[in-house]
Amino acid sequence: MLSVDPIERTSVTEQVIQSLVSLIRNGQLKPGDKLPSEQQLMEQLQVGRSSLREALRTLSLVGLLEPRRGSGTYVTHSFTDHLADQLEWSAILGESDLFELLEVRLPLEVQAATLAALRAGEDDILLLKVALNAFESCDEKDEERRVEADLKFHQELARASGNKVLYRMMLSLDSLIRRFLHETATATVQLPDTAICEHKLVLKGIIEQNPDQAARAMQDHLDSSHKEFVEILSKSQHKRMNYESKRFN
């Protein structure tokens, strides 16, 4: 019997991204190659148009693909190996790396909130409101929707910062953040209410164009969710130790 971990659930969009990255890494798609049409990709990958377009948009934003008006979408000549590795690195990381993610995520998102309060326009604020409303309307037992809605708010916040580099860095952490959110969503159904209130405070600071308030709200939100994560891991490790003790004694 092999000792393996269960396969993690991923969104359709993330699976499309991984498939396209894999095609580039194994040489089926080379720098400069034109991607098949949307219809062809939908049929080959057996996915819907919205999931495919979101995946293509994400890969374009991080510089892996280049859409050309009236011509199609092409694999870029630059960044190919580096970004392909970057998009897949989370697949080989373990529990300890999630703590390192928290250390990286905190300053990035606090800075994103600060910049969004200074730069966000009406369209940005509308997208943040839509993302927050989607999160608030989720059934607390629907883990997948909760995670995706939570992640969407943070993605829109990074976009609203107006800093493309910061936004791309956040997208590169997408898989790890999604895993972190799944860990907390699985362990408790009380976190969403807290997270929604904290998201509202961040948005309030942005709407009022108060960068200090937005930054503090984001700092408090991440401190709260990270503390929750540490407590979950501590309980999980305690249960595992008790199980092993009973098993071998």
C-alpha atoms as a PDB file:
ATOM      1  CA  MET A   1       0.000   0.000   0.000  1.00  0.00           C
ATOM      2  CA  LEU A   2       1.417   3.380  -1.052  1.00  0.00           C
ATOM      3  CA  SER A   3       1.597   6.191   1.485  1.00  0.00           C
ATOM      4  CA  VAL A   4       0.095   9.148  -0.365  1.00  0.00           C
ATOM      5  CA  ASP A   5      -1.966  12.188   0.493  1.00  0.00           C
ATOM      6  CA  PRO A   6      -5.455  12.733  -0.953  1.00  0.00           C
ATOM      7  CA  ILE A   7      -5.641  14.821  -4.127  1.00  0.00           C
ATOM      8  CA  GLU A   8      -6.499  18.427  -3.348  1.00  0.00           C
ATOM      9  CA  ARG A   9      -9.616  19.905  -4.922  1.00  0.00           C
ATOM     10  CA  THR A  10      -8.961  22.709  -7.374  1.00  0.00           C
ATOM     11  CA  SER A  11     -11.178  25.010  -9.396  1.00  0.00           C
ATOM     12  CA  VAL A  12     -11.786  24.390 -13.096  1.00  0.00           C
ATOM     13  CA  THR A  13      -9.885  27.577 -13.912  1.00  0.00           C
ATOM     14  CA  GLU A  14      -6.847  26.408 -11.958  1.00  0.00           C
ATOM     15  CA  GLN A  15      -6.949  23.036 -13.723  1.00  0.00           C
ATOM     16  CA  VAL A  16      -7.005  24.796 -17.102  1.00  0.00           C
ATOM     17  CA  ILE A  17      -4.007  26.908 -16.045  1.00  0.00           C
ATOM     18  CA  GLN A  18      -2.103  23.800 -14.957  1.00  0.00           C
ATOM     19  CA  SER A  19      -2.930  22.034 -18.244  1.00  0.00           C
ATOM     20  CA  LEU A  20      -1.715  24.947 -20.361  1.00  0.00           C
ATOM     21  CA  VAL A  21       1.442  25.348 -18.269  1.00  0.00           C
ATOM     22  CA  SER A  22       2.093  21.632 -18.685  1.00  0.00           C
ATOM     23  CA  LEU A  23       1.758  21.923 -22.481  1.00  0.00           C
ATOM     24  CA  ILE A  24       4.369  24.678 -22.454  1.00  0.00           C
ATOM     25  CA  ARG A  25       6.716  22.836 -20.138  1.00  0.00           C
ATOM     26  CA  ASN A  26       6.657  19.612 -22.170  1.00  0.00           C
ATOM     27  CA  GLY A  27       7.228  21.477 -25.437  1.00  0.00           C
ATOM     28  CA  GLN A  28       3.857  20.932 -27.091  1.00  0.00           C
ATOM     29  CA  LEU A  29       3.455  24.702 -26.993  1.00  0.00           C
ATOM     30  CA  LYS A  30       6.631  26.680 -27.635  1.00  0.00           C
ATOM     31  CA  PRO A  31       7.473  30.386 -27.256  1.00  0.00           C
ATOM     32  CA  GLY A  32       5.867  32.186 -30.174  1.00  0.00           C
ATOM     33  CA  ASP A  33       3.276  29.463 -30.827  1.00  0.00           C
ATOM     34  CA  LYS A  34      -0.333  30.470 -31.324  1.00  0.00           C
ATOM     35  CA  LEU A  35      -2.874  28.770 -29.075  1.00  0.00           C
ATOM     36  CA  PRO A  36      -5.793  26.893 -30.626  1.00  0.00           C
ATOM     37  CA  SER A  37      -9.058  28.829 -30.838  1.00  0.00           C
ATOM     38  CA  GLU A  38     -11.293  29.180 -27.789  1.00  0.00           C
ATOM     39  CA  GLN A  39     -13.732  26.666 -29.241  1.00  0.00           C
ATOM     40  CA  GLN A  40     -10.974  24.128 -29.859  1.00  0.00           C
ATOM     41  CA  LEU A  41      -9.550  24.555 -26.361  1.00  0.00           C
ATOM     42  CA  MET A  42     -13.016  24.243 -24.803  1.00  0.00           C
ATOM     43  CA  GLU A  43     -13.582  20.986 -26.653  1.00  0.00           C
ATOM     44  CA  GLN A  44     -10.116  19.564 -25.949  1.00  0.00           C
ATOM     45  CA  LEU A  45     -10.119  20.530 -22.248  1.00  0.00           C
ATOM     46  CA  GLN A  46     -13.867  19.912 -21.836  1.00  0.00           C
ATOM     47  CA  VAL A  47     -14.435  23.154 -19.957  1.00  0.00           C
ATOM     48  CA  GLY A  48     -16.774  26.113 -20.267  1.00  0.00           C
ATOM     49  CA  ARG A  49     -15.962  29.431 -21.916  1.00  0.00           C
ATOM     50  CA  SER A  50     -15.862  31.444 -18.682  1.00  0.00           C
ATOM     51  CA  SER A  51     -13.348  29.098 -16.997  1.00  0.00           C
ATOM     52  CA  LEU A  52     -11.164  29.059 -20.102  1.00  0.00           C
ATOM     53  CA  ARG A  53     -11.207  32.832 -20.495  1.00  0.00           C
ATOM     54  CA  GLU A  54     -10.358  33.358 -16.816  1.00  0.00           C
ATOM     55  CA  ALA A  55      -7.399  30.993 -17.168  1.00  0.00           C
ATOM     56  CA  LEU A  56      -6.187  32.729 -20.336  1.00  0.00           C
ATOM     57  CA  ARG A  57      -6.599  36.127 -18.684  1.00  0.00           C
ATOM     58  CA  THR A  58      -4.593  35.023 -15.633  1.00  0.00           C
ATOM     59  CA  LEU A  59      -1.763  33.608 -17.745  1.00  0.00           C
ATOM     60  CA  SER A  60      -1.743  36.780 -19.828  1.00  0.00           C
ATOM     61  CA  LEU A  61      -1.547  38.982 -16.732  1.00  0.00           C
ATOM     62  CA  VAL A  62       1.486  37.112 -15.405  1.00  0.00           C
ATOM     63  CA  GLY A  63       3.171  37.396 -18.792  1.00  0.00           C
ATOM     64  CA  LEU A  64       3.016  33.781 -19.929  1.00  0.00           C
ATOM     65  CA  LEU A  65       0.568  34.398 -22.775  1.00  0.00           C
ATOM     66  CA  GLU A  66       0.139  37.376 -25.068  1.00  0.00           C
ATOM     67  CA  PRO A  67      -3.283  38.149 -26.600  1.00  0.00           C
ATOM     68  CA  ARG A  68      -3.051  39.955 -29.949  1.00  0.00           C
ATOM     69  CA  ARG A  69      -6.133  41.783 -31.168  1.00  0.00           C
ATOM     70  CA  GLY A  70      -7.539  40.172 -34.290  1.00  0.00           C
ATOM     71  CA  SER A  71      -4.836  37.512 -34.346  1.00  0.00           C
ATOM     72  CA  GLY A  72      -5.194  35.229 -31.327  1.00  0.00           C
ATOM     73  CA  THR A  73      -3.260  34.316 -28.193  1.00  0.00           C
ATOM     74  CA  TYR A  74       0.435  33.404 -28.264  1.00  0.00           C
ATOM     75  CA  VAL A  75       2.990  31.929 -25.875  1.00  0.00           C
ATOM     76  CA  THR A  76       5.409  34.709 -24.990  1.00  0.00           C
ATOM     77  CA  HIS A  77       9.122  34.508 -25.703  1.00  0.00           C
ATOM     78  CA  SER A  78      10.084  35.892 -22.299  1.00  0.00           C
ATOM     79  CA  PHE A  79       9.555  34.558 -18.764  1.00  0.00           C
ATOM     80  CA  THR A  80       8.365  31.184 -20.031  1.00  0.00           C
ATOM     81  CA  ASP A  81      10.450  28.827 -17.903  1.00  0.00           C
ATOM     82  CA  HIS A  82      10.499  31.045 -14.838  1.00  0.00           C
ATOM     83  CA  LEU A  83       6.772  31.687 -14.714  1.00  0.00           C
ATOM     84  CA  ALA A  84       5.852  28.125 -15.583  1.00  0.00           C
ATOM     85  CA  ASP A  85       7.884  27.004 -12.581  1.00  0.00           C
ATOM     86  CA  GLN A  86       6.353  29.750 -10.469  1.00  0.00           C
ATOM     87  CA  LEU A  87       2.805  28.709 -11.301  1.00  0.00           C
ATOM     88  CA  GLU A  88       3.478  25.110 -10.326  1.00  0.00           C
ATOM     89  CA  TRP A  89       5.794  25.484  -7.336  1.00  0.00           C
ATOM     90  CA  SER A  90       2.937  25.242  -4.831  1.00  0.00           C
ATOM     91  CA  ALA A  91       2.215  21.662  -5.909  1.00  0.00           C
ATOM     92  CA  ILE A  92       5.416  20.451  -4.212  1.00  0.00           C
ATOM     93  CA  LEU A  93       5.264  22.523  -1.041  1.00  0.00           C
ATOM     94  CA  GLY A  94       4.281  21.210   2.368  1.00  0.00           C
ATOM     95  CA  GLU A  95       2.684  22.459   5.561  1.00  0.00           C
ATOM     96  CA  SER A  96       5.665  24.511   6.732  1.00  0.00           C
ATOM     97  CA  ASP A  97       5.607  26.485   3.498  1.00  0.00           C
ATOM     98  CA  LEU A  98       2.118  27.718   4.298  1.00  0.00           C
ATOM     99  CA  PHE A  99       3.631  29.575   7.250  1.00  0.00           C
ATOM    100  CA  GLU A 100       6.159  31.130   4.900  1.00  0.00           C
ATOM    101  CA  LEU A 101       3.250  32.117   2.649  1.00  0.00           C
ATOM    102  CA  LEU A 102       1.716  34.012   5.559  1.00  0.00           C
ATOM    103  CA  GLU A 103       4.943  35.973   6.013  1.00  0.00           C
ATOM    104  CA  VAL A 104       4.938  36.966   2.340  1.00  0.00           C
ATOM    105  CA  ARG A 105       1.222  37.533   1.995  1.00  0.00           C
ATOM    106  CA  LEU A 106       0.894  39.992   4.864  1.00  0.00           C
ATOM    107  CA  PRO A 107       3.028  42.874   3.525  1.00  0.00           C
ATOM    108  CA  LEU A 108       1.751  42.340  -0.025  1.00  0.00           C
ATOM    109  CA  GLU A 109      -1.910  42.590   0.903  1.00  0.00           C
ATOM    110  CA  VAL A 110      -1.458  45.438   3.360  1.00  0.00           C
ATOM    111  CA  GLN A 111       0.323  47.364   0.617  1.00  0.00           C
ATOM    112  CA  ALA A 112      -2.438  46.437  -1.849  1.00  0.00           C
ATOM    113  CA  ALA A 113      -5.075  47.824   0.532  1.00  0.00           C
ATOM    114  CA  THR A 114      -3.056  51.009   1.035  1.00  0.00           C
ATOM    115  CA  LEU A 115      -2.642  51.609  -2.689  1.00  0.00           C
ATOM    116  CA  ALA A 116      -6.259  50.703  -3.447  1.00  0.00           C
ATOM    117  CA  ALA A 117      -7.424  53.376  -0.989  1.00  0.00           C
ATOM    118  CA  LEU A 118      -5.337  55.881  -2.910  1.00  0.00           C
ATOM    119  CA  ARG A 119      -6.022  54.721  -6.472  1.00  0.00           C
ATOM    120  CA  ALA A 120      -9.231  52.702  -6.745  1.00  0.00           C
ATOM    121  CA  GLY A 121     -11.780  54.100  -9.177  1.00  0.00           C
ATOM    122  CA  GLU A 122     -15.532  53.563  -9.320  1.00  0.00           C
ATOM    123  CA  ASP A 123     -15.185  50.408 -11.415  1.00  0.00           C
ATOM    124  CA  ASP A 124     -12.664  48.941  -8.958  1.00  0.00           C
ATOM    125  CA  ILE A 125     -14.945  49.635  -6.013  1.00  0.00           C
ATOM    126  CA  LEU A 126     -17.903  48.111  -7.850  1.00  0.00           C
ATOM    127  CA  LEU A 127     -15.937  44.906  -8.508  1.00  0.00           C
ATOM    128  CA  LEU A 128     -14.919  44.751  -4.850  1.00  0.00           C
ATOM    129  CA  LYS A 129     -18.558  45.164  -3.788  1.00  0.00           C
ATOM    130  CA  VAL A 130     -19.650  42.417  -6.191  1.00  0.00           C
ATOM    131  CA  ALA A 131     -16.953  40.084  -4.846  1.00  0.00           C
ATOM    132  CA  LEU A 132     -17.913  40.852  -1.246  1.00  0.00           C
ATOM    133  CA  ASN A 133     -21.627  40.324  -1.943  1.00  0.00           C
ATOM    134  CA  ALA A 134     -20.824  36.969  -3.573  1.00  0.00           C
ATOM    135  CA  PHE A 135     -18.848  35.932  -0.484  1.00  0.00           C
ATOM    136  CA  GLU A 136     -21.628  37.071   1.845  1.00  0.00           C
ATOM    137  CA  SER A 137     -24.282  35.144  -0.099  1.00  0.00           C
ATOM    138  CA  CYS A 138     -22.400  31.824   0.034  1.00  0.00           C
ATOM    139  CA  ASP A 139     -23.888  28.938   1.947  1.00  0.00           C
ATOM    140  CA  GLU A 140     -21.511  28.461   4.888  1.00  0.00           C
ATOM    141  CA  LYS A 141     -21.490  24.721   4.164  1.00  0.00           C
ATOM    142  CA  ASP A 142     -20.417  25.218   0.541  1.00  0.00           C
ATOM    143  CA  GLU A 143     -16.664  25.224   1.083  1.00  0.00           C
ATOM    144  CA  GLU A 144     -15.708  25.507  -2.590  1.00  0.00           C
ATOM    145  CA  ARG A 145     -17.832  28.594  -3.234  1.00  0.00           C
ATOM    146  CA  ARG A 146     -16.709  30.197   0.021  1.00  0.00           C
ATOM    147  CA  VAL A 147     -13.048  29.764  -0.844  1.00  0.00           C
ATOM    148  CA  GLU A 148     -13.441  31.040  -4.398  1.00  0.00           C
ATOM    149  CA  ALA A 149     -15.484  34.055  -3.282  1.00  0.00           C
ATOM    150  CA  ASP A 150     -12.981  34.892  -0.535  1.00  0.00           C
ATOM    151  CA  LEU A 151     -10.075  34.590  -2.953  1.00  0.00           C
ATOM    152  CA  LYS A 152     -11.885  36.711  -5.557  1.00  0.00           C
ATOM    153  CA  PHE A 153     -12.146  39.632  -3.129  1.00  0.00           C
ATOM    154  CA  HIS A 154      -8.408  39.541  -2.474  1.00  0.00           C
ATOM    155  CA  GLN A 155      -7.662  39.307  -6.200  1.00  0.00           C
ATOM    156  CA  GLU A 156      -9.866  42.309  -6.968  1.00  0.00           C
ATOM    157  CA  LEU A 157      -8.193  44.222  -4.144  1.00  0.00           C
ATOM    158  CA  ALA A 158      -4.763  43.524  -5.649  1.00  0.00           C
ATOM    159  CA  ARG A 159      -6.063  44.664  -9.034  1.00  0.00           C
ATOM    160  CA  ALA A 160      -7.479  47.836  -7.477  1.00  0.00           C
ATOM    161  CA  SER A 161      -4.010  48.700  -6.163  1.00  0.00           C
ATOM    162  CA  GLY A 162      -3.110  49.792  -9.686  1.00  0.00           C
ATOM    163  CA  ASN A 163       0.273  48.074  -9.326  1.00  0.00           C
ATOM    164  CA  LYS A 164       0.668  45.396 -12.007  1.00  0.00           C
ATOM    165  CA  VAL A 165       3.723  43.831 -10.387  1.00  0.00           C
ATOM    166  CA  LEU A 166       1.928  43.455  -7.062  1.00  0.00           C
ATOM    167  CA  TYR A 167      -1.112  42.017  -8.845  1.00  0.00           C
ATOM    168  CA  ARG A 168       1.014  39.476 -10.702  1.00  0.00           C
ATOM    169  CA  MET A 169       2.774  38.488  -7.497  1.00  0.00           C
ATOM    170  CA  MET A 170      -0.592  37.877  -5.837  1.00  0.00           C
ATOM    171  CA  LEU A 171      -1.721  35.770  -8.783  1.00  0.00           C
ATOM    172  CA  SER A 172       1.447  33.701  -8.537  1.00  0.00           C
ATOM    173  CA  LEU A 173       0.471  32.877  -4.928  1.00  0.00           C
ATOM    174  CA  ASP A 174      -3.052  31.910  -5.977  1.00  0.00           C
ATOM    175  CA  SER A 175      -2.691  28.146  -5.469  1.00  0.00           C
ATOM    176  CA  LEU A 176      -1.115  28.474  -2.029  1.00  0.00           C
ATOM    177  CA  ILE A 177      -3.657  31.024  -0.814  1.00  0.00           C
ATOM    178  CA  ARG A 178      -6.461  28.797  -2.078  1.00  0.00           C
ATOM    179  CA  ARG A 179      -4.999  25.887  -0.116  1.00  0.00           C
ATOM    180  CA  PHE A 180      -4.710  28.054   3.003  1.00  0.00           C
ATOM    181  CA  LEU A 181      -8.364  29.098   2.654  1.00  0.00           C
ATOM    182  CA  HIS A 182      -9.436  25.484   2.201  1.00  0.00           C
ATOM    183  CA  GLU A 183      -7.581  24.520   5.385  1.00  0.00           C
ATOM    184  CA  THR A 184      -9.444  27.126   7.435  1.00  0.00           C
ATOM    185  CA  ALA A 185     -12.803  26.636   5.698  1.00  0.00           C
ATOM    186  CA  THR A 186     -12.708  22.882   6.305  1.00  0.00           C
ATOM    187  CA  ALA A 187     -11.954  23.210   9.987  1.00  0.00           C
ATOM    188  CA  THR A 188     -14.564  25.803  10.963  1.00  0.00           C
ATOM    189  CA  VAL A 189     -17.845  27.279   9.740  1.00  0.00           C
ATOM    190  CA  GLN A 190     -17.551  30.340  11.976  1.00  0.00           C
ATOM    191  CA  LEU A 191     -14.728  32.018  10.085  1.00  0.00           C
ATOM    192  CA  PRO A 192     -16.824  33.307   7.124  1.00  0.00           C
ATOM    193  CA  ASP A 193     -18.866  35.712   9.290  1.00  0.00           C
ATOM    194  CA  THR A 194     -15.680  37.110  10.790  1.00  0.00           C
ATOM    195  CA  ALA A 195     -13.974  37.339   7.407  1.00  0.00           C
ATOM    196  CA  ILE A 196     -16.958  39.110   5.835  1.00  0.00           C
ATOM    197  CA  CYS A 197     -16.974  41.766   8.562  1.00  0.00           C
ATOM    198  CA  GLU A 198     -13.228  42.231   8.162  1.00  0.00           C
ATOM    199  CA  HIS A 199     -13.551  42.492   4.370  1.00  0.00           C
ATOM    200  CA  LYS A 200     -16.200  45.173   4.839  1.00  0.00           C
ATOM    201  CA  LEU A 201     -13.830  47.215   6.999  1.00  0.00           C
ATOM    202  CA  VAL A 202     -11.114  46.989   4.337  1.00  0.00           C
ATOM    203  CA  LEU A 203     -13.590  48.098   1.662  1.00  0.00           C
ATOM    204  CA  LYS A 204     -14.807  50.938   3.876  1.00  0.00           C
ATOM    205  CA  GLY A 205     -11.268  52.295   4.106  1.00  0.00           C
ATOM    206  CA  ILE A 206     -10.921  52.102   0.323  1.00  0.00           C
ATOM    207  CA  ILE A 207     -14.264  53.792  -0.355  1.00  0.00           C
ATOM    208  CA  GLU A 208     -13.404  56.572   2.093  1.00  0.00           C
ATOM    209  CA  GLN A 209      -9.954  56.895   0.478  1.00  0.00           C
ATOM    210  CA  ASN A 210      -8.321  56.364   3.840  1.00  0.00           C
ATOM    211  CA  PRO A 211      -5.125  54.333   3.249  1.00  0.00           C
ATOM    212  CA  ASP A 212      -4.269  54.041   6.957  1.00  0.00           C
ATOM    213  CA  GLN A 213      -7.712  52.667   7.781  1.00  0.00           C
ATOM    214  CA  ALA A 214      -7.635  50.225   4.849  1.00  0.00           C
ATOM    215  CA  ALA A 215      -4.156  49.023   5.796  1.00  0.00           C
ATOM    216  CA  ARG A 216      -5.091  48.516   9.462  1.00  0.00           C
ATOM    217  CA  ALA A 217      -8.225  46.633   8.491  1.00  0.00           C
ATOM    218  CA  MET A 218      -6.258  44.331   6.202  1.00  0.00           C
ATOM    219  CA  GLN A 219      -3.578  43.819   8.868  1.00  0.00           C
ATOM    220  CA  ASP A 220      -6.265  42.873  11.412  1.00  0.00           C
ATOM    221  CA  HIS A 221      -7.988  40.573   8.917  1.00  0.00           C
ATOM    222  CA  LEU A 222      -4.837  38.652   8.054  1.00  0.00           C
ATOM    223  CA  ASP A 223      -3.697  38.502  11.691  1.00  0.00           C
ATOM    224  CA  SER A 224      -7.077  36.998  12.589  1.00  0.00           C
ATOM    225  CA  SER A 225      -7.126  34.409   9.799  1.00  0.00           C
ATOM    226  CA  HIS A 226      -3.479  33.455  10.381  1.00  0.00           C
ATOM    227  CA  LYS A 227      -4.128  33.000  14.122  1.00  0.00           C
ATOM    228  CA  GLU A 228      -7.078  30.775  13.219  1.00  0.00           C
ATOM    229  CA  PHE A 229      -4.845  28.722  10.929  1.00  0.00           C
ATOM    230  CA  VAL A 230      -2.206  28.228  13.643  1.00  0.00           C
ATOM    231  CA  GLU A 231      -4.876  27.058  16.089  1.00  0.00           C
ATOM    232  CA  ILE A 232      -6.259  24.612  13.510  1.00  0.00           C
ATOM    233  CA  LEU A 233      -2.832  23.134  12.855  1.00  0.00           C
ATOM    234  CA  SER A 234      -2.128  22.884  16.570  1.00  0.00           C
ATOM    235  CA  LYS A 235      -5.365  20.958  17.155  1.00  0.00           C
ATOM    236  CA  SER A 236      -4.672  18.741  14.145  1.00  0.00           C
ATOM    237  CA  GLN A 237      -1.165  17.900  15.363  1.00  0.00           C
ATOM    238  CA  HIS A 238      -2.468  17.225  18.899  1.00  0.00           C
ATOM    239  CA  LYS A 239      -5.074  14.787  17.559  1.00  0.00           C
ATOM    240  CA  ARG A 240      -2.438  13.075  15.418  1.00  0.00           C
ATOM    241  CA  MET A 241      -0.107  12.650  18.407  1.00  0.00           C
ATOM    242  CA  ASN A 242      -2.933  11.199  20.521  1.00  0.00           C
ATOM    243  CA  TYR A 243      -3.823   8.799  17.731  1.00  0.00           C
ATOM    244  CA  GLU A 244      -0.222   7.632  17.341  1.00  0.00           C
ATOM    245  CA  SER A 245       0.125   7.255  21.119  1.00  0.00           C
ATOM    246  CA  LYS A 246      -2.971   5.036  21.344  1.00  0.00           C
ATOM    247  CA  ARG A 247      -1.938   3.100  18.267  1.00  0.00           C
ATOM    248  CA  PHE A 248       1.501   2.094  19.494  1.00  0.00           C
ATOM    249  CA  ASN A 249       0.831   1.787  23.245  1.00  0.00           C
END
